[in-house]
Amino acid sequence: MNMRTLTGSRPKTLALTLLAVTATAVTGGVGTTAASRWYQRLRKPSWQPPSQAFGLVWTPLYGLIALGSARVLDRREGTERQAFAAQLATNLVLNAGWTLIFFRARSPRLALAEIAALNASNAALIRQAWKTDRTAGATLLPYGAWTLFATALNTAIVRLNPEER
């Protein structure tokens, strides 16, 4: 069985999408400062998962983003392929940007606005992936669901900490 059969994408395309999501993950990891005094003093909802859960969830999600996106890219050509690649790049910038805004800029309110844009980007990415390849679209659904959960968590933190910008 060749690699295309196992993943539904060419190895080069998968390697490139893995590289892109790895850069996003590294940016997010470097930008996250959950141990900071600022973050520790924020009031958080009782249903917030432990901090270790985030890495455990994001790792497979990034793999799914890479796999699903590679499947779409390998099934599109020309301007359609370029358009999806640009949509993916925008999505990954928004993904990494949330971490930098929330943790580095210490701005839960601005991060909430940014994650709304990320949710819109996720919906568009999933819709385009689904139209191209339903398996690819399905691999992106957990990412969309987790980001919606993160939005609820961000919203709760904003409500519990009205003094924060």
N, C-alpha and C. Protein backbone atom coordinates (compact mmCIF):
# COMPACT_ATOMS: atom_id res chain seq x y z
N MET A 1 0.84 -1.18 0.00
CA MET A 1 0.00 0.00 0.00
C MET A 1 0.89 1.24 0.00
N ASN A 2 0.64 2.18 -0.89
CA ASN A 2 1.49 3.37 -0.93
C ASN A 2 0.97 4.43 0.04
N MET A 3 1.78 5.45 0.27
CA MET A 3 1.44 6.50 1.23
C MET A 3 0.16 7.22 0.83
N ARG A 4 -0.05 7.42 -0.44
CA ARG A 4 -1.27 8.10 -0.91
C ARG A 4 -2.50 7.31 -0.46
N THR A 5 -2.44 6.01 -0.52
CA THR A 5 -3.57 5.18 -0.12
C THR A 5 -3.80 5.26 1.39
N LEU A 6 -2.74 5.28 2.16
CA LEU A 6 -2.88 5.31 3.61
C LEU A 6 -3.44 6.63 4.13
N THR A 7 -3.00 7.73 3.58
CA THR A 7 -3.42 9.04 4.11
C THR A 7 -4.39 9.76 3.20
N GLY A 8 -4.49 9.33 1.97
CA GLY A 8 -5.34 10.03 1.01
C GLY A 8 -4.67 11.27 0.44
N SER A 9 -3.39 11.45 0.73
CA SER A 9 -2.67 12.61 0.20
C SER A 9 -1.25 12.20 -0.17
N ARG A 10 -0.61 13.03 -0.98
CA ARG A 10 0.78 12.78 -1.37
C ARG A 10 1.70 13.12 -0.20
N PRO A 11 2.80 12.39 -0.05
CA PRO A 11 3.72 12.65 1.06
C PRO A 11 4.22 14.10 1.11
N LYS A 12 4.52 14.70 -0.05
CA LYS A 12 5.03 16.07 -0.06
C LYS A 12 3.97 17.05 0.46
N THR A 13 2.74 16.87 0.03
CA THR A 13 1.67 17.76 0.48
C THR A 13 1.45 17.59 1.98
N LEU A 14 1.43 16.36 2.44
CA LEU A 14 1.25 16.11 3.87
C LEU A 14 2.41 16.71 4.67
N ALA A 15 3.63 16.57 4.17
CA ALA A 15 4.79 17.15 4.86
C ALA A 15 4.66 18.67 4.97
N LEU A 16 4.19 19.31 3.91
CA LEU A 16 4.04 20.77 3.94
C LEU A 16 2.94 21.21 4.90
N THR A 17 1.83 20.49 4.92
CA THR A 17 0.77 20.88 5.86
C THR A 17 1.20 20.57 7.29
N LEU A 18 1.94 19.49 7.49
CA LEU A 18 2.47 19.20 8.84
C LEU A 18 3.44 20.29 9.28
N LEU A 19 4.26 20.77 8.37
CA LEU A 19 5.18 21.86 8.69
C LEU A 19 4.41 23.12 9.09
N ALA A 20 3.37 23.44 8.35
CA ALA A 20 2.57 24.64 8.65
C ALA A 20 1.88 24.53 10.01
N VAL A 21 1.28 23.38 10.30
CA VAL A 21 0.61 23.26 11.60
C VAL A 21 1.61 23.15 12.73
N THR A 22 2.79 22.60 12.46
CA THR A 22 3.83 22.55 13.50
C THR A 22 4.29 23.96 13.84
N ALA A 23 4.46 24.81 12.84
CA ALA A 23 4.82 26.21 13.10
C ALA A 23 3.74 26.89 13.94
N THR A 24 2.49 26.60 13.64
CA THR A 24 1.38 27.17 14.42
C THR A 24 1.44 26.66 15.85
N ALA A 25 1.65 25.36 16.01
CA ALA A 25 1.72 24.76 17.35
C ALA A 25 2.88 25.33 18.16
N VAL A 26 4.02 25.48 17.53
CA VAL A 26 5.19 26.04 18.24
C VAL A 26 4.91 27.48 18.66
N THR A 27 4.33 28.27 17.77
CA THR A 27 3.98 29.65 18.12
C THR A 27 3.01 29.65 19.30
N GLY A 28 2.01 28.79 19.24
CA GLY A 28 1.06 28.69 20.34
C GLY A 28 1.72 28.25 21.63
N GLY A 29 2.60 27.28 21.54
CA GLY A 29 3.29 26.80 22.73
C GLY A 29 4.19 27.85 23.35
N VAL A 30 4.92 28.57 22.52
CA VAL A 30 5.80 29.64 23.01
C VAL A 30 4.97 30.79 23.57
N GLY A 31 3.83 31.04 22.95
CA GLY A 31 2.98 32.15 23.38
C GLY A 31 2.17 31.88 24.62
N THR A 32 1.98 30.62 24.97
CA THR A 32 1.16 30.27 26.13
C THR A 32 1.97 30.39 27.41
N THR A 33 1.42 31.13 28.33
CA THR A 33 2.06 31.30 29.63
C THR A 33 1.05 31.03 30.73
N ALA A 34 0.53 29.80 30.76
CA ALA A 34 -0.49 29.43 31.73
C ALA A 34 0.03 29.48 33.16
N ALA A 35 1.35 29.44 33.33
CA ALA A 35 1.92 29.49 34.67
C ALA A 35 2.16 30.92 35.15
N SER A 36 1.90 31.91 34.31
CA SER A 36 2.16 33.29 34.72
C SER A 36 1.23 33.72 35.85
N ARG A 37 1.70 34.65 36.64
CA ARG A 37 0.86 35.16 37.74
C ARG A 37 -0.42 35.79 37.21
N TRP A 38 -0.30 36.51 36.08
CA TRP A 38 -1.49 37.13 35.50
C TRP A 38 -2.56 36.08 35.20
N TYR A 39 -2.18 35.01 34.53
CA TYR A 39 -3.15 33.98 34.17
C TYR A 39 -3.67 33.25 35.41
N GLN A 40 -2.77 32.97 36.33
CA GLN A 40 -3.17 32.25 37.54
C GLN A 40 -4.20 33.03 38.36
N ARG A 41 -4.11 34.36 38.35
CA ARG A 41 -5.05 35.14 39.16
C ARG A 41 -6.39 35.38 38.46
N LEU A 42 -6.48 35.07 37.18
CA LEU A 42 -7.78 35.20 36.50
C LEU A 42 -8.78 34.22 37.11
N ARG A 43 -10.02 34.69 37.26
CA ARG A 43 -11.08 33.79 37.67
C ARG A 43 -11.49 32.98 36.44
N LYS A 44 -11.65 31.67 36.66
CA LYS A 44 -11.97 30.77 35.55
C LYS A 44 -13.21 29.96 35.92
N PRO A 45 -13.95 29.50 34.93
CA PRO A 45 -15.14 28.70 35.22
C PRO A 45 -14.76 27.35 35.81
N SER A 46 -15.67 26.79 36.57
CA SER A 46 -15.42 25.50 37.22
C SER A 46 -15.22 24.37 36.21
N TRP A 47 -15.71 24.55 35.01
CA TRP A 47 -15.64 23.50 34.00
C TRP A 47 -14.40 23.60 33.10
N GLN A 48 -13.48 24.50 33.45
CA GLN A 48 -12.25 24.59 32.66
C GLN A 48 -11.41 23.34 32.88
N PRO A 49 -10.95 22.72 31.80
CA PRO A 49 -10.09 21.54 31.95
C PRO A 49 -8.74 21.91 32.58
N PRO A 50 -8.04 20.94 33.15
CA PRO A 50 -6.70 21.22 33.66
C PRO A 50 -5.78 21.63 32.51
N SER A 51 -4.77 22.42 32.82
CA SER A 51 -3.90 22.97 31.77
C SER A 51 -3.25 21.88 30.92
N GLN A 52 -2.97 20.71 31.51
CA GLN A 52 -2.35 19.62 30.76
C GLN A 52 -3.25 19.12 29.63
N ALA A 53 -4.55 19.28 29.77
CA ALA A 53 -5.49 18.77 28.77
C ALA A 53 -5.33 19.48 27.43
N PHE A 54 -4.93 20.74 27.46
CA PHE A 54 -4.86 21.50 26.22
C PHE A 54 -3.83 20.93 25.25
N GLY A 55 -2.65 20.60 25.74
CA GLY A 55 -1.64 19.99 24.88
C GLY A 55 -2.06 18.62 24.39
N LEU A 56 -2.73 17.87 25.26
CA LEU A 56 -3.20 16.54 24.87
C LEU A 56 -4.28 16.62 23.78
N VAL A 57 -5.06 17.67 23.79
CA VAL A 57 -6.11 17.83 22.78
C VAL A 57 -5.53 18.43 21.50
N TRP A 58 -4.70 19.47 21.65
CA TRP A 58 -4.21 20.17 20.45
C TRP A 58 -3.30 19.30 19.60
N THR A 59 -2.53 18.43 20.19
CA THR A 59 -1.59 17.62 19.40
C THR A 59 -2.30 16.80 18.32
N PRO A 60 -3.30 15.99 18.67
CA PRO A 60 -3.99 15.27 17.58
C PRO A 60 -4.81 16.19 16.68
N LEU A 61 -5.32 17.30 17.22
CA LEU A 61 -6.07 18.22 16.37
C LEU A 61 -5.18 18.79 15.27
N TYR A 62 -3.97 19.17 15.62
CA TYR A 62 -3.05 19.68 14.60
C TYR A 62 -2.75 18.61 13.55
N GLY A 63 -2.61 17.37 13.98
CA GLY A 63 -2.42 16.29 13.01
C GLY A 63 -3.60 16.15 12.07
N LEU A 64 -4.81 16.26 12.62
CA LEU A 64 -6.01 16.17 11.79
C LEU A 64 -6.12 17.35 10.82
N ILE A 65 -5.74 18.54 11.28
CA ILE A 65 -5.75 19.71 10.40
C ILE A 65 -4.81 19.47 9.22
N ALA A 66 -3.61 18.98 9.52
CA ALA A 66 -2.63 18.71 8.46
C ALA A 66 -3.14 17.65 7.49
N LEU A 67 -3.68 16.57 8.02
CA LEU A 67 -4.16 15.48 7.18
C LEU A 67 -5.34 15.92 6.31
N GLY A 68 -6.34 16.53 6.93
CA GLY A 68 -7.51 16.96 6.17
C GLY A 68 -7.16 17.99 5.11
N SER A 69 -6.31 18.93 5.48
CA SER A 69 -5.92 19.98 4.53
C SER A 69 -5.11 19.41 3.37
N ALA A 70 -4.23 18.46 3.67
CA ALA A 70 -3.45 17.83 2.60
C ALA A 70 -4.36 17.09 1.62
N ARG A 71 -5.38 16.43 2.15
CA ARG A 71 -6.33 15.72 1.28
C ARG A 71 -7.02 16.70 0.34
N VAL A 72 -7.42 17.85 0.87
CA VAL A 72 -8.09 18.85 0.03
C VAL A 72 -7.12 19.39 -1.02
N LEU A 73 -5.94 19.77 -0.59
CA LEU A 73 -4.97 20.34 -1.53
C LEU A 73 -4.65 19.38 -2.67
N ASP A 74 -4.56 18.10 -2.36
CA ASP A 74 -4.26 17.12 -3.40
C ASP A 74 -5.44 16.83 -4.33
N ARG A 75 -6.60 17.30 -3.98
CA ARG A 75 -7.77 17.08 -4.82
C ARG A 75 -8.20 18.36 -5.56
N ARG A 76 -7.44 19.41 -5.36
CA ARG A 76 -7.72 20.68 -6.06
C ARG A 76 -6.53 21.03 -6.93
N GLU A 77 -6.82 21.84 -7.94
CA GLU A 77 -5.76 22.27 -8.86
C GLU A 77 -5.86 23.77 -9.09
N GLY A 78 -4.75 24.35 -9.54
CA GLY A 78 -4.73 25.74 -9.96
C GLY A 78 -5.22 26.72 -8.91
N THR A 79 -6.11 27.61 -9.34
CA THR A 79 -6.56 28.67 -8.44
C THR A 79 -7.38 28.13 -7.27
N GLU A 80 -8.08 27.02 -7.46
CA GLU A 80 -8.84 26.43 -6.35
C GLU A 80 -7.89 25.91 -5.27
N ARG A 81 -6.80 25.31 -5.69
CA ARG A 81 -5.80 24.83 -4.73
C ARG A 81 -5.16 26.02 -4.00
N GLN A 82 -4.80 27.05 -4.76
CA GLN A 82 -4.20 28.24 -4.16
C GLN A 82 -5.16 28.92 -3.19
N ALA A 83 -6.43 28.96 -3.54
CA ALA A 83 -7.42 29.60 -2.67
C ALA A 83 -7.55 28.84 -1.35
N PHE A 84 -7.56 27.50 -1.42
CA PHE A 84 -7.65 26.73 -0.18
C PHE A 84 -6.38 26.88 0.64
N ALA A 85 -5.23 26.89 0.00
CA ALA A 85 -3.96 27.08 0.71
C ALA A 85 -3.95 28.43 1.43
N ALA A 86 -4.45 29.46 0.78
CA ALA A 86 -4.53 30.79 1.41
C ALA A 86 -5.51 30.78 2.58
N GLN A 87 -6.61 30.09 2.40
CA GLN A 87 -7.61 29.98 3.47
C GLN A 87 -7.01 29.25 4.68
N LEU A 88 -6.27 28.19 4.42
CA LEU A 88 -5.60 27.45 5.49
C LEU A 88 -4.57 28.32 6.19
N ALA A 89 -3.76 29.04 5.42
CA ALA A 89 -2.74 29.91 6.01
C ALA A 89 -3.38 30.97 6.90
N THR A 90 -4.46 31.57 6.43
CA THR A 90 -5.17 32.57 7.24
C THR A 90 -5.68 31.94 8.52
N ASN A 91 -6.23 30.75 8.42
CA ASN A 91 -6.75 30.06 9.59
C ASN A 91 -5.66 29.79 10.61
N LEU A 92 -4.51 29.34 10.14
CA LEU A 92 -3.41 29.03 11.06
C LEU A 92 -2.85 30.29 11.71
N VAL A 93 -2.83 31.40 10.98
CA VAL A 93 -2.40 32.68 11.57
C VAL A 93 -3.39 33.09 12.67
N LEU A 94 -4.68 32.95 12.40
CA LEU A 94 -5.69 33.26 13.42
C LEU A 94 -5.54 32.34 14.62
N ASN A 95 -5.27 31.07 14.37
CA ASN A 95 -5.09 30.10 15.44
C ASN A 95 -3.94 30.52 16.36
N ALA A 96 -2.80 30.79 15.78
CA ALA A 96 -1.63 31.21 16.58
C ALA A 96 -1.86 32.57 17.21
N GLY A 97 -2.55 33.44 16.49
CA GLY A 97 -2.79 34.79 16.98
C GLY A 97 -3.60 34.84 18.26
N TRP A 98 -4.54 33.91 18.41
CA TRP A 98 -5.36 33.91 19.63
C TRP A 98 -4.46 33.78 20.85
N THR A 99 -3.54 32.84 20.81
CA THR A 99 -2.64 32.60 21.95
C THR A 99 -1.84 33.85 22.28
N LEU A 100 -1.31 34.48 21.26
CA LEU A 100 -0.49 35.67 21.48
C LEU A 100 -1.33 36.82 22.06
N ILE A 101 -2.55 36.97 21.58
CA ILE A 101 -3.41 38.04 22.09
C ILE A 101 -3.84 37.74 23.52
N PHE A 102 -4.27 36.53 23.79
CA PHE A 102 -4.76 36.19 25.12
C PHE A 102 -3.64 36.20 26.15
N PHE A 103 -2.57 35.47 25.89
CA PHE A 103 -1.52 35.30 26.89
C PHE A 103 -0.45 36.38 26.86
N ARG A 104 0.05 36.73 25.69
CA ARG A 104 1.14 37.71 25.62
C ARG A 104 0.64 39.14 25.77
N ALA A 105 -0.46 39.47 25.08
CA ALA A 105 -1.03 40.81 25.21
C ALA A 105 -1.92 40.90 26.45
N ARG A 106 -2.20 39.76 27.06
CA ARG A 106 -3.05 39.70 28.25
C ARG A 106 -4.38 40.40 28.03
N SER A 107 -5.01 40.04 26.94
CA SER A 107 -6.25 40.70 26.57
C SER A 107 -7.34 39.68 26.23
N PRO A 108 -8.02 39.15 27.26
CA PRO A 108 -9.09 38.19 26.99
C PRO A 108 -10.20 38.75 26.11
N ARG A 109 -10.51 40.05 26.25
CA ARG A 109 -11.57 40.64 25.43
C ARG A 109 -11.19 40.69 23.95
N LEU A 110 -9.99 41.15 23.67
CA LEU A 110 -9.54 41.18 22.28
C LEU A 110 -9.41 39.76 21.73
N ALA A 111 -8.96 38.84 22.57
CA ALA A 111 -8.85 37.44 22.15
C ALA A 111 -10.22 36.86 21.81
N LEU A 112 -11.25 37.31 22.52
CA LEU A 112 -12.60 36.84 22.22
C LEU A 112 -13.05 37.30 20.83
N ALA A 113 -12.73 38.53 20.49
CA ALA A 113 -13.05 39.01 19.14
C ALA A 113 -12.25 38.23 18.09
N GLU A 114 -11.00 37.95 18.41
CA GLU A 114 -10.14 37.22 17.48
C GLU A 114 -10.62 35.79 17.29
N ILE A 115 -11.07 35.15 18.37
CA ILE A 115 -11.52 33.77 18.24
C ILE A 115 -12.84 33.69 17.48
N ALA A 116 -13.61 34.77 17.50
CA ALA A 116 -14.82 34.81 16.66
C ALA A 116 -14.42 34.75 15.19
N ALA A 117 -13.37 35.47 14.84
CA ALA A 117 -12.86 35.41 13.46
C ALA A 117 -12.31 34.02 13.15
N LEU A 118 -11.66 33.40 14.12
CA LEU A 118 -11.15 32.04 13.93
C LEU A 118 -12.30 31.06 13.70
N ASN A 119 -13.39 31.22 14.46
CA ASN A 119 -14.55 30.33 14.26
C ASN A 119 -15.13 30.49 12.86
N ALA A 120 -15.21 31.72 12.38
CA ALA A 120 -15.70 31.95 11.02
C ALA A 120 -14.76 31.31 10.00
N SER A 121 -13.47 31.45 10.24
CA SER A 121 -12.47 30.83 9.36
C SER A 121 -12.59 29.31 9.39
N ASN A 122 -12.79 28.75 10.59
CA ASN A 122 -12.96 27.30 10.71
C ASN A 122 -14.17 26.82 9.91
N ALA A 123 -15.28 27.54 10.04
CA ALA A 123 -16.50 27.15 9.32
C ALA A 123 -16.26 27.16 7.81
N ALA A 124 -15.58 28.19 7.33
CA ALA A 124 -15.29 28.28 5.90
C ALA A 124 -14.34 27.17 5.46
N LEU A 125 -13.33 26.89 6.28
CA LEU A 125 -12.36 25.85 5.95
C LEU A 125 -13.04 24.48 5.91
N ILE A 126 -13.86 24.20 6.91
CA ILE A 126 -14.57 22.92 6.96
C ILE A 126 -15.53 22.79 5.77
N ARG A 127 -16.25 23.86 5.49
CA ARG A 127 -17.19 23.84 4.36
C ARG A 127 -16.46 23.55 3.04
N GLN A 128 -15.34 24.24 2.81
CA GLN A 128 -14.58 24.02 1.58
C GLN A 128 -13.99 22.61 1.53
N ALA A 129 -13.49 22.15 2.66
CA ALA A 129 -12.93 20.79 2.70
C ALA A 129 -14.02 19.77 2.41
N TRP A 130 -15.18 19.95 3.03
CA TRP A 130 -16.29 19.01 2.86
C TRP A 130 -16.73 18.95 1.40
N LYS A 131 -16.78 20.11 0.74
CA LYS A 131 -17.18 20.15 -0.67
C LYS A 131 -16.20 19.38 -1.55
N THR A 132 -14.94 19.38 -1.16
CA THR A 132 -13.91 18.72 -1.96
C THR A 132 -13.82 17.23 -1.64
N ASP A 133 -13.86 16.90 -0.35
CA ASP A 133 -13.65 15.53 0.10
C ASP A 133 -14.28 15.39 1.49
N ARG A 134 -15.31 14.60 1.59
CA ARG A 134 -16.03 14.49 2.88
C ARG A 134 -15.14 13.97 4.01
N THR A 135 -14.23 13.09 3.71
CA THR A 135 -13.32 12.61 4.75
C THR A 135 -12.47 13.77 5.26
N ALA A 136 -11.98 14.60 4.36
CA ALA A 136 -11.18 15.76 4.76
C ALA A 136 -12.02 16.70 5.62
N GLY A 137 -13.25 16.95 5.20
CA GLY A 137 -14.13 17.81 5.99
C GLY A 137 -14.37 17.24 7.37
N ALA A 138 -14.58 15.93 7.44
CA ALA A 138 -14.82 15.27 8.73
C ALA A 138 -13.61 15.36 9.65
N THR A 139 -12.40 15.31 9.08
CA THR A 139 -11.21 15.40 9.93
C THR A 139 -11.06 16.77 10.56
N LEU A 140 -11.68 17.79 9.97
CA LEU A 140 -11.59 19.15 10.52
C LEU A 140 -12.69 19.45 11.54
N LEU A 141 -13.72 18.62 11.61
CA LEU A 141 -14.82 18.88 12.55
C LEU A 141 -14.38 18.94 14.02
N PRO A 142 -13.50 18.04 14.50
CA PRO A 142 -13.07 18.15 15.90
C PRO A 142 -12.36 19.48 16.20
N TYR A 143 -11.61 19.98 15.25
CA TYR A 143 -10.94 21.29 15.39
C TYR A 143 -11.98 22.38 15.57
N GLY A 144 -13.00 22.38 14.73
CA GLY A 144 -14.06 23.36 14.86
C GLY A 144 -14.77 23.25 16.20
N ALA A 145 -15.05 22.02 16.63
CA ALA A 145 -15.73 21.81 17.92
C ALA A 145 -14.87 22.29 19.08
N TRP A 146 -13.58 21.98 19.06
CA TRP A 146 -12.70 22.39 20.16
C TRP A 146 -12.57 23.91 20.20
N THR A 147 -12.51 24.54 19.05
CA THR A 147 -12.42 26.00 19.01
C THR A 147 -13.69 26.63 19.55
N LEU A 148 -14.84 26.03 19.29
CA LEU A 148 -16.09 26.53 19.88
C LEU A 148 -16.06 26.39 21.40
N PHE A 149 -15.52 25.28 21.89
CA PHE A 149 -15.37 25.11 23.34
C PHE A 149 -14.42 26.18 23.89
N ALA A 150 -13.32 26.43 23.20
CA ALA A 150 -12.38 27.47 23.63
C ALA A 150 -13.05 28.84 23.63
N THR A 151 -13.97 29.06 22.70
CA THR A 151 -14.71 30.32 22.66
C THR A 151 -15.59 30.46 23.89
N ALA A 152 -16.26 29.39 24.27
CA ALA A 152 -17.09 29.41 25.48
C ALA A 152 -16.23 29.67 26.71
N LEU A 153 -15.07 29.06 26.76
CA LEU A 153 -14.15 29.26 27.87
C LEU A 153 -13.64 30.70 27.90
N ASN A 154 -13.26 31.23 26.77
CA ASN A 154 -12.80 32.62 26.66
C ASN A 154 -13.91 33.57 27.10
N THR A 155 -15.14 33.30 26.66
CA THR A 155 -16.29 34.13 27.03
C THR A 155 -16.50 34.11 28.55
N ALA A 156 -16.41 32.94 29.15
CA ALA A 156 -16.58 32.83 30.60
C ALA A 156 -15.49 33.60 31.33
N ILE A 157 -14.27 33.53 30.86
CA ILE A 157 -13.17 34.26 31.50
C ILE A 157 -13.40 35.77 31.40
N VAL A 158 -13.87 36.24 30.25
CA VAL A 158 -14.18 37.67 30.10
C VAL A 158 -15.27 38.07 31.08
N ARG A 159 -16.31 37.28 31.20
CA ARG A 159 -17.42 37.60 32.11
C ARG A 159 -16.99 37.56 33.57
N LEU A 160 -16.13 36.62 33.92
CA LEU A 160 -15.68 36.48 35.31
C LEU A 160 -14.62 37.51 35.69
N ASN A 161 -14.04 38.17 34.71
CA ASN A 161 -12.95 39.13 34.93
C ASN A 161 -13.24 40.43 34.19
N PRO A 162 -14.31 41.14 34.58
CA PRO A 162 -14.70 42.34 33.83
C PRO A 162 -13.64 43.45 33.85
N GLU A 163 -12.74 43.40 34.80
CA GLU A 163 -11.70 44.43 34.89
C GLU A 163 -10.59 44.23 33.85
N GLU A 164 -10.52 43.05 33.25
CA GLU A 164 -9.48 42.77 32.26
C GLU A 164 -9.86 43.38 30.92
N ARG A 165 -8.85 43.82 30.20
CA ARG A 165 -9.10 44.43 28.88
C ARG A 165 -9.31 43.40 27.81
